[in-house]
């Protein structure tokens, strides 16, 4: 089992990786999809299903996702695609637990993101 200082180090490194990789404040749906490795239609579907996901929209209707929105999307993807929750189950889990109340969920999300990053890095070598 990871010790407390190891958890903090992992959290720091993974958030540094995500936040350094993402330099902009707002992203289009296409940019968000690329960063998260999912389709734009899946993001739109999650937007309809999960009330926590509320991107800003321009006067022309273009969605603008903030970094916080990307973190929410990461949580949803982790629950549905990685852990196998149903949409209803993921909604319930997001209502009950936040990353602040269960640090292991946050670590799982960050490790999954790191895994995706390393796979992408290996592919580009």
C-alpha atoms as a PDB file:
ATOM      1  CA  UNK A   1       0.000   0.000   0.000  1.00  0.00           C
ATOM      2  CA  UNK A   2       1.215   3.489  -0.802  1.00  0.00           C
ATOM      3  CA  UNK A   3       2.371   5.606   2.076  1.00  0.00           C
ATOM      4  CA  UNK A   4       1.060   9.132   2.638  1.00  0.00           C
ATOM      5  CA  UNK A   5       4.180  10.840   1.244  1.00  0.00           C
ATOM      6  CA  UNK A   6       4.070   8.573  -1.829  1.00  0.00           C
ATOM      7  CA  UNK A   7       0.446   9.598  -2.459  1.00  0.00           C
ATOM      8  CA  UNK A   8       1.389  13.258  -2.300  1.00  0.00           C
ATOM      9  CA  UNK A   9       4.324  12.751  -4.666  1.00  0.00           C
ATOM     10  CA  UNK A  10       2.178  10.847  -7.175  1.00  0.00           C
ATOM     11  CA  UNK A  11      -0.559  13.495  -6.992  1.00  0.00           C
ATOM     12  CA  UNK A  12       1.957  16.276  -7.502  1.00  0.00           C
ATOM     13  CA  UNK A  13       3.667  14.617 -10.461  1.00  0.00           C
ATOM     14  CA  UNK A  14       0.452  13.643 -12.208  1.00  0.00           C
ATOM     15  CA  UNK A  15      -1.220  17.033 -11.793  1.00  0.00           C
ATOM     16  CA  UNK A  16       1.971  18.750 -12.922  1.00  0.00           C
ATOM     17  CA  UNK A  17       1.940  16.537 -16.030  1.00  0.00           C
ATOM     18  CA  UNK A  18      -1.711  17.321 -16.798  1.00  0.00           C
ATOM     19  CA  UNK A  19      -1.527  21.016 -16.002  1.00  0.00           C
ATOM     20  CA  UNK A  20       1.764  21.527 -17.871  1.00  0.00           C
ATOM     21  CA  UNK A  21       0.452  19.659 -20.880  1.00  0.00           C
ATOM     22  CA  UNK A  22      -2.662  21.840 -20.881  1.00  0.00           C
ATOM     23  CA  UNK A  23      -1.631  25.485 -21.243  1.00  0.00           C
ATOM     24  CA  UNK A  24      -4.905  27.077 -22.340  1.00  0.00           C
ATOM     25  CA  UNK A  25      -7.799  28.061 -20.089  1.00  0.00           C
ATOM     26  CA  UNK A  26     -10.615  27.069 -22.461  1.00  0.00           C
ATOM     27  CA  UNK A  27     -10.869  24.341 -25.057  1.00  0.00           C
ATOM     28  CA  UNK A  28     -13.239  23.566 -27.892  1.00  0.00           C
ATOM     29  CA  UNK A  29     -15.026  20.237 -27.826  1.00  0.00           C
ATOM     30  CA  UNK A  30     -12.601  18.894 -30.437  1.00  0.00           C
ATOM     31  CA  UNK A  31      -9.567  19.900 -28.395  1.00  0.00           C
ATOM     32  CA  UNK A  32     -11.112  18.390 -25.244  1.00  0.00           C
ATOM     33  CA  UNK A  33     -11.831  15.148 -27.111  1.00  0.00           C
ATOM     34  CA  UNK A  34      -8.231  14.881 -28.304  1.00  0.00           C
ATOM     35  CA  UNK A  35      -6.814  15.604 -24.839  1.00  0.00           C
ATOM     36  CA  UNK A  36      -9.055  12.976 -23.243  1.00  0.00           C
ATOM     37  CA  UNK A  37      -8.875  10.400 -26.034  1.00  0.00           C
ATOM     38  CA  UNK A  38     -12.640  10.212 -26.630  1.00  0.00           C
ATOM     39  CA  UNK A  39     -15.011  11.301 -29.386  1.00  0.00           C
ATOM     40  CA  UNK A  40     -16.821  14.635 -29.469  1.00  0.00           C
ATOM     41  CA  UNK A  41     -20.155  12.837 -29.579  1.00  0.00           C
ATOM     42  CA  UNK A  42     -19.308  11.041 -26.326  1.00  0.00           C
ATOM     43  CA  UNK A  43     -18.506  14.385 -24.680  1.00  0.00           C
ATOM     44  CA  UNK A  44     -21.838  15.817 -25.869  1.00  0.00           C
ATOM     45  CA  UNK A  45     -23.616  12.725 -24.527  1.00  0.00           C
ATOM     46  CA  UNK A  46     -21.910  13.059 -21.133  1.00  0.00           C
ATOM     47  CA  UNK A  47     -22.797  16.758 -21.104  1.00  0.00           C
ATOM     48  CA  UNK A  48     -26.489  15.853 -21.386  1.00  0.00           C
ATOM     49  CA  UNK A  49     -26.287  13.074 -18.807  1.00  0.00           C
ATOM     50  CA  UNK A  50     -24.135  14.666 -16.084  1.00  0.00           C
ATOM     51  CA  UNK A  51     -25.288  17.970 -14.572  1.00  0.00           C
ATOM     52  CA  UNK A  52     -21.810  18.681 -13.174  1.00  0.00           C
ATOM     53  CA  UNK A  53     -20.527  19.099 -16.720  1.00  0.00           C
ATOM     54  CA  UNK A  54     -21.560  22.573 -17.857  1.00  0.00           C
ATOM     55  CA  UNK A  55     -19.224  24.107 -20.449  1.00  0.00           C
ATOM     56  CA  UNK A  56     -19.625  27.736 -21.342  1.00  0.00           C
ATOM     57  CA  UNK A  57     -21.108  28.479 -24.740  1.00  0.00           C
ATOM     58  CA  UNK A  58     -20.308  31.386 -27.020  1.00  0.00           C
ATOM     59  CA  UNK A  59     -23.048  33.440 -28.631  1.00  0.00           C
ATOM     60  CA  UNK A  60     -22.651  31.187 -31.679  1.00  0.00           C
ATOM     61  CA  UNK A  61     -23.205  28.068 -29.567  1.00  0.00           C
ATOM     62  CA  UNK A  62     -19.592  26.846 -29.546  1.00  0.00           C
ATOM     63  CA  UNK A  63     -18.791  24.944 -26.372  1.00  0.00           C
ATOM     64  CA  UNK A  64     -15.802  26.167 -24.357  1.00  0.00           C
ATOM     65  CA  UNK A  65     -14.522  23.683 -21.793  1.00  0.00           C
ATOM     66  CA  UNK A  66     -12.543  24.962 -18.806  1.00  0.00           C
ATOM     67  CA  UNK A  67      -9.793  22.876 -17.189  1.00  0.00           C
ATOM     68  CA  UNK A  68     -12.278  22.047 -14.398  1.00  0.00           C
ATOM     69  CA  UNK A  69     -14.648  20.639 -17.035  1.00  0.00           C
ATOM     70  CA  UNK A  70     -11.826  18.424 -18.320  1.00  0.00           C
ATOM     71  CA  UNK A  71     -11.260  17.110 -14.799  1.00  0.00           C
ATOM     72  CA  UNK A  72     -14.976  16.300 -14.473  1.00  0.00           C
ATOM     73  CA  UNK A  73     -14.858  14.535 -17.838  1.00  0.00           C
ATOM     74  CA  UNK A  74     -11.831  12.549 -16.649  1.00  0.00           C
ATOM     75  CA  UNK A  75     -13.801  11.412 -13.605  1.00  0.00           C
ATOM     76  CA  UNK A  76     -16.751  10.375 -15.768  1.00  0.00           C
ATOM     77  CA  UNK A  77     -14.523   8.489 -18.216  1.00  0.00           C
ATOM     78  CA  UNK A  78     -12.753   6.767 -15.317  1.00  0.00           C
ATOM     79  CA  UNK A  79     -16.042   5.607 -13.818  1.00  0.00           C
ATOM     80  CA  UNK A  80     -17.819   4.560 -17.017  1.00  0.00           C
ATOM     81  CA  UNK A  81     -15.089   3.318 -19.337  1.00  0.00           C
ATOM     82  CA  UNK A  82     -12.417   2.100 -16.912  1.00  0.00           C
ATOM     83  CA  UNK A  83     -14.313   0.952 -13.818  1.00  0.00           C
ATOM     84  CA  UNK A  84     -17.399  -0.250 -15.711  1.00  0.00           C
ATOM     85  CA  UNK A  85     -20.075   1.830 -13.977  1.00  0.00           C
ATOM     86  CA  UNK A  86     -23.391   2.363 -15.715  1.00  0.00           C
ATOM     87  CA  UNK A  87     -24.378   5.972 -16.430  1.00  0.00           C
ATOM     88  CA  UNK A  88     -26.804   5.859 -13.490  1.00  0.00           C
ATOM     89  CA  UNK A  89     -24.130   4.372 -11.230  1.00  0.00           C
ATOM     90  CA  UNK A  90     -21.574   6.970 -12.262  1.00  0.00           C
ATOM     91  CA  UNK A  91     -24.092   9.769 -11.634  1.00  0.00           C
ATOM     92  CA  UNK A  92     -24.727   8.420  -8.155  1.00  0.00           C
ATOM     93  CA  UNK A  93     -21.018   8.038  -7.403  1.00  0.00           C
ATOM     94  CA  UNK A  94     -20.323  11.596  -8.537  1.00  0.00           C
ATOM     95  CA  UNK A  95     -23.116  12.868  -6.285  1.00  0.00           C
ATOM     96  CA  UNK A  96     -21.849  10.964  -3.249  1.00  0.00           C
ATOM     97  CA  UNK A  97     -18.093  11.214  -3.590  1.00  0.00           C
ATOM     98  CA  UNK A  98     -15.883  14.021  -4.700  1.00  0.00           C
ATOM     99  CA  UNK A  99     -12.110  13.670  -5.128  1.00  0.00           C
ATOM    100  CA  UNK A 100     -11.677  15.521  -1.819  1.00  0.00           C
ATOM    101  CA  UNK A 101     -13.576  12.809   0.088  1.00  0.00           C
ATOM    102  CA  UNK A 102     -11.938   9.828  -1.596  1.00  0.00           C
ATOM    103  CA  UNK A 103      -8.328  10.423  -2.657  1.00  0.00           C
ATOM    104  CA  UNK A 104      -8.015   6.946  -4.182  1.00  0.00           C
ATOM    105  CA  UNK A 105     -10.480   7.902  -6.925  1.00  0.00           C
ATOM    106  CA  UNK A 106      -8.360  10.912  -7.814  1.00  0.00           C
ATOM    107  CA  UNK A 107      -5.208   8.768  -7.868  1.00  0.00           C
ATOM    108  CA  UNK A 108      -6.892   6.243 -10.192  1.00  0.00           C
ATOM    109  CA  UNK A 109      -7.893   9.039 -12.575  1.00  0.00           C
ATOM    110  CA  UNK A 110      -4.405  10.530 -12.564  1.00  0.00           C
ATOM    111  CA  UNK A 111      -2.721   7.170 -13.052  1.00  0.00           C
ATOM    112  CA  UNK A 112      -5.029   6.420 -15.980  1.00  0.00           C
ATOM    113  CA  UNK A 113      -4.149   9.784 -17.520  1.00  0.00           C
ATOM    114  CA  UNK A 114      -0.441   9.098 -16.983  1.00  0.00           C
ATOM    115  CA  UNK A 115      -0.854   5.689 -18.635  1.00  0.00           C
ATOM    116  CA  UNK A 116      -2.496   7.306 -21.668  1.00  0.00           C
ATOM    117  CA  UNK A 117       0.262   9.905 -21.820  1.00  0.00           C
ATOM    118  CA  UNK A 118       2.994   7.252 -21.669  1.00  0.00           C
ATOM    119  CA  UNK A 119       1.317   5.170 -24.368  1.00  0.00           C
ATOM    120  CA  UNK A 120       1.070   8.263 -26.574  1.00  0.00           C
ATOM    121  CA  UNK A 121       4.723   9.068 -25.861  1.00  0.00           C
ATOM    122  CA  UNK A 122       5.798   5.510 -26.728  1.00  0.00           C
ATOM    123  CA  UNK A 123       3.804   5.666 -29.976  1.00  0.00           C
ATOM    124  CA  UNK A 124       5.520   8.917 -30.975  1.00  0.00           C
ATOM    125  CA  UNK A 125       9.047   7.534 -30.406  1.00  0.00           C
END
